[in-house]
Amino acid sequence: MASDMNVIGVIEAGIRAEGSRQKAIASNIANMNAPGYRRSDVRFEEILSKALRRDDNFDATDLEPEFYQPMNTAVNANGNDVSLDTEVGEMVKNSLRHRAYMSILKAKYNQMKQAIQV
């Protein structure tokens, strides 16, 4: 079973990953008219899943998001594959994930606070 501190570490790693993903989305939008630009994304969930399968007591501070180019979207005439609709959708999903991580972290800290006060 994962310790409370490791759970908090995983949540914090998730928050860092969402921050990195937000940077990738911003970069994609900023370069949506740049010829030859290919969109980037962040791989975190797969990294977390592998770590959880390997060892329940892994060090969550070692979890680092990884930037990559999916290369699975249609390319337009100037060789660019960024779609504003897609990026806005990704931004909304990213914001919801970030909000969920923050809510879970807050609940975890409140749980610890209540345990101390007993």
C-alpha atoms as a PDB file:
ATOM      1  CA  MET A   1       0.000   0.000   0.000  1.00  0.00           C
ATOM      2  CA  ALA A   2       1.284   3.450  -0.902  1.00  0.00           C
ATOM      3  CA  SER A   3       2.208   5.790   1.923  1.00  0.00           C
ATOM      4  CA  ASP A   4       0.468   9.140   2.322  1.00  0.00           C
ATOM      5  CA  MET A   5       3.655  10.948   1.385  1.00  0.00           C
ATOM      6  CA  ASN A   6       4.037   8.902  -1.794  1.00  0.00           C
ATOM      7  CA  VAL A   7       0.418   9.640  -2.719  1.00  0.00           C
ATOM      8  CA  ILE A   8       1.100  13.339  -2.207  1.00  0.00           C
ATOM      9  CA  GLY A   9       4.258  12.983  -4.314  1.00  0.00           C
ATOM     10  CA  VAL A  10       2.276  11.398  -7.140  1.00  0.00           C
ATOM     11  CA  ILE A  11      -0.309  14.191  -6.980  1.00  0.00           C
ATOM     12  CA  GLU A  12       2.451  16.796  -7.050  1.00  0.00           C
ATOM     13  CA  ALA A  13       4.050  15.039 -10.042  1.00  0.00           C
ATOM     14  CA  GLY A  14       0.674  15.139 -11.769  1.00  0.00           C
ATOM     15  CA  ILE A  15       0.392  18.861 -11.109  1.00  0.00           C
ATOM     16  CA  ARG A  16       3.882  19.378 -12.591  1.00  0.00           C
ATOM     17  CA  ALA A  17       2.864  17.305 -15.626  1.00  0.00           C
ATOM     18  CA  GLU A  18      -0.228  19.437 -16.178  1.00  0.00           C
ATOM     19  CA  GLY A  19       1.934  22.555 -15.985  1.00  0.00           C
ATOM     20  CA  SER A  20       4.232  21.087 -18.635  1.00  0.00           C
ATOM     21  CA  ARG A  21       1.245  20.093 -20.760  1.00  0.00           C
ATOM     22  CA  GLN A  22      -0.101  23.653 -20.511  1.00  0.00           C
ATOM     23  CA  LYS A  23       3.250  24.925 -21.843  1.00  0.00           C
ATOM     24  CA  ALA A  24       3.051  22.449 -24.744  1.00  0.00           C
ATOM     25  CA  ILE A  25      -0.485  23.588 -25.594  1.00  0.00           C
ATOM     26  CA  ALA A  26       0.561  27.256 -25.449  1.00  0.00           C
ATOM     27  CA  SER A  27       3.509  26.510 -27.736  1.00  0.00           C
ATOM     28  CA  ASN A  28       1.250  24.666 -30.163  1.00  0.00           C
ATOM     29  CA  ILE A  29      -1.183  27.595 -30.330  1.00  0.00           C
ATOM     30  CA  ALA A  30       1.639  30.126 -30.694  1.00  0.00           C
ATOM     31  CA  ASN A  31       3.054  28.138 -33.625  1.00  0.00           C
ATOM     32  CA  MET A  32      -0.200  27.188 -35.333  1.00  0.00           C
ATOM     33  CA  ASN A  33       0.710  29.196 -38.444  1.00  0.00           C
ATOM     34  CA  ALA A  34       4.417  28.296 -38.495  1.00  0.00           C
ATOM     35  CA  PRO A  35       5.238  26.257 -41.605  1.00  0.00           C
ATOM     36  CA  GLY A  36       6.382  22.738 -40.771  1.00  0.00           C
ATOM     37  CA  TYR A  37       5.597  22.977 -37.055  1.00  0.00           C
ATOM     38  CA  ARG A  38       4.358  19.725 -35.532  1.00  0.00           C
ATOM     39  CA  ARG A  39       2.318  19.815 -32.334  1.00  0.00           C
ATOM     40  CA  SER A  40       3.830  18.589 -29.093  1.00  0.00           C
ATOM     41  CA  ASP A  41       2.250  16.921 -26.087  1.00  0.00           C
ATOM     42  CA  VAL A  42       3.310  15.566 -22.707  1.00  0.00           C
ATOM     43  CA  ARG A  43       3.546  11.925 -21.745  1.00  0.00           C
ATOM     44  CA  PHE A  44       2.917  11.422 -18.024  1.00  0.00           C
ATOM     45  CA  GLU A  45       0.102   8.966 -17.489  1.00  0.00           C
ATOM     46  CA  GLU A  46       2.058   6.176 -19.205  1.00  0.00           C
ATOM     47  CA  ILE A  47       5.134   6.935 -17.083  1.00  0.00           C
ATOM     48  CA  LEU A  48       3.036   6.839 -13.904  1.00  0.00           C
ATOM     49  CA  SER A  49       1.363   3.595 -14.964  1.00  0.00           C
ATOM     50  CA  LYS A  50       4.713   1.892 -15.594  1.00  0.00           C
ATOM     51  CA  ALA A  51       6.047   3.076 -12.231  1.00  0.00           C
ATOM     52  CA  LEU A  52       2.963   1.752 -10.440  1.00  0.00           C
ATOM     53  CA  ARG A  53       3.228  -1.641 -12.167  1.00  0.00           C
ATOM     54  CA  ARG A  54       6.907  -1.969 -11.260  1.00  0.00           C
ATOM     55  CA  ASP A  55       6.835  -0.952  -7.626  1.00  0.00           C
ATOM     56  CA  ASP A  56       4.249   0.455  -5.256  1.00  0.00           C
ATOM     57  CA  ASN A  57       7.008   2.154  -3.242  1.00  0.00           C
ATOM     58  CA  PHE A  58       8.673   4.099  -6.055  1.00  0.00           C
ATOM     59  CA  ASP A  59       9.949   7.616  -5.414  1.00  0.00           C
ATOM     60  CA  ALA A  60       7.336   9.960  -6.853  1.00  0.00           C
ATOM     61  CA  THR A  61       9.902  12.759  -7.178  1.00  0.00           C
ATOM     62  CA  ASP A  62      11.463  10.696  -9.980  1.00  0.00           C
ATOM     63  CA  LEU A  63       8.287  10.983 -12.074  1.00  0.00           C
ATOM     64  CA  GLU A  64       8.985  13.529 -14.770  1.00  0.00           C
ATOM     65  CA  PRO A  65       6.688  14.357 -17.674  1.00  0.00           C
ATOM     66  CA  GLU A  66       8.165  13.829 -21.121  1.00  0.00           C
ATOM     67  CA  PHE A  67       7.587  16.109 -24.119  1.00  0.00           C
ATOM     68  CA  TYR A  68       6.993  14.316 -27.420  1.00  0.00           C
ATOM     69  CA  GLN A  69       5.444  14.847 -30.842  1.00  0.00           C
ATOM     70  CA  PRO A  70       2.468  12.508 -31.411  1.00  0.00           C
ATOM     71  CA  MET A  71       2.741  12.727 -35.239  1.00  0.00           C
ATOM     72  CA  ASN A  72      -0.785  11.311 -35.544  1.00  0.00           C
ATOM     73  CA  THR A  73      -2.718  14.351 -36.740  1.00  0.00           C
ATOM     74  CA  ALA A  74      -3.407  15.519 -40.273  1.00  0.00           C
ATOM     75  CA  VAL A  75      -0.903  17.930 -41.774  1.00  0.00           C
ATOM     76  CA  ASN A  76      -2.168  20.986 -43.648  1.00  0.00           C
ATOM     77  CA  ALA A  77      -0.722  22.537 -46.806  1.00  0.00           C
ATOM     78  CA  ASN A  78       2.193  24.252 -45.033  1.00  0.00           C
ATOM     79  CA  GLY A  79       3.241  21.097 -43.151  1.00  0.00           C
ATOM     80  CA  ASN A  80       1.711  22.195 -39.841  1.00  0.00           C
ATOM     81  CA  ASP A  81      -0.580  19.868 -37.879  1.00  0.00           C
ATOM     82  CA  VAL A  82      -1.932  22.220 -35.170  1.00  0.00           C
ATOM     83  CA  SER A  83      -5.692  22.634 -34.949  1.00  0.00           C
ATOM     84  CA  LEU A  84      -6.992  25.418 -32.720  1.00  0.00           C
ATOM     85  CA  ASP A  85     -10.110  23.373 -31.917  1.00  0.00           C
ATOM     86  CA  THR A  86      -7.978  20.437 -30.779  1.00  0.00           C
ATOM     87  CA  GLU A  87      -5.705  22.623 -28.664  1.00  0.00           C
ATOM     88  CA  VAL A  88      -8.627  24.384 -26.971  1.00  0.00           C
ATOM     89  CA  GLY A  89     -10.140  20.971 -26.195  1.00  0.00           C
ATOM     90  CA  GLU A  90      -6.813  19.793 -24.770  1.00  0.00           C
ATOM     91  CA  MET A  91      -6.587  22.980 -22.702  1.00  0.00           C
ATOM     92  CA  VAL A  92     -10.028  22.329 -21.194  1.00  0.00           C
ATOM     93  CA  LYS A  93      -9.117  18.703 -20.363  1.00  0.00           C
ATOM     94  CA  ASN A  94      -5.812  19.841 -18.899  1.00  0.00           C
ATOM     95  CA  SER A  95      -7.541  22.443 -16.714  1.00  0.00           C
ATOM     96  CA  LEU A  96      -9.990  19.827 -15.433  1.00  0.00           C
ATOM     97  CA  ARG A  97      -7.180  17.405 -14.606  1.00  0.00           C
ATOM     98  CA  HIS A  98      -5.269  20.169 -12.840  1.00  0.00           C
ATOM     99  CA  ARG A  99      -8.355  21.112 -10.826  1.00  0.00           C
ATOM    100  CA  ALA A 100      -8.896  17.441  -9.897  1.00  0.00           C
ATOM    101  CA  TYR A 101      -5.292  17.073  -8.724  1.00  0.00           C
ATOM    102  CA  MET A 102      -5.621  20.224  -6.614  1.00  0.00           C
ATOM    103  CA  SER A 103      -8.889  18.995  -5.063  1.00  0.00           C
ATOM    104  CA  ILE A 104      -7.357  15.623  -4.205  1.00  0.00           C
ATOM    105  CA  LEU A 105      -4.286  17.278  -2.711  1.00  0.00           C
ATOM    106  CA  LYS A 106      -6.451  19.601  -0.624  1.00  0.00           C
ATOM    107  CA  ALA A 107      -8.518  16.651   0.609  1.00  0.00           C
ATOM    108  CA  LYS A 108      -5.361  14.723   1.507  1.00  0.00           C
ATOM    109  CA  TYR A 109      -3.977  17.649   3.517  1.00  0.00           C
ATOM    110  CA  ASN A 110      -7.339  18.133   5.256  1.00  0.00           C
ATOM    111  CA  GLN A 111      -7.333  14.432   6.142  1.00  0.00           C
ATOM    112  CA  MET A 112      -3.863  14.771   7.675  1.00  0.00           C
ATOM    113  CA  LYS A 113      -4.916  17.919   9.553  1.00  0.00           C
ATOM    114  CA  GLN A 114      -7.930  16.120  11.021  1.00  0.00           C
ATOM    115  CA  ALA A 115      -5.780  13.177  12.070  1.00  0.00           C
ATOM    116  CA  ILE A 116      -3.381  15.517  13.894  1.00  0.00           C
ATOM    117  CA  GLN A 117      -6.209  17.311  15.691  1.00  0.00           C
ATOM    118  CA  VAL A 118      -7.712  14.094  17.103  1.00  0.00           C
END
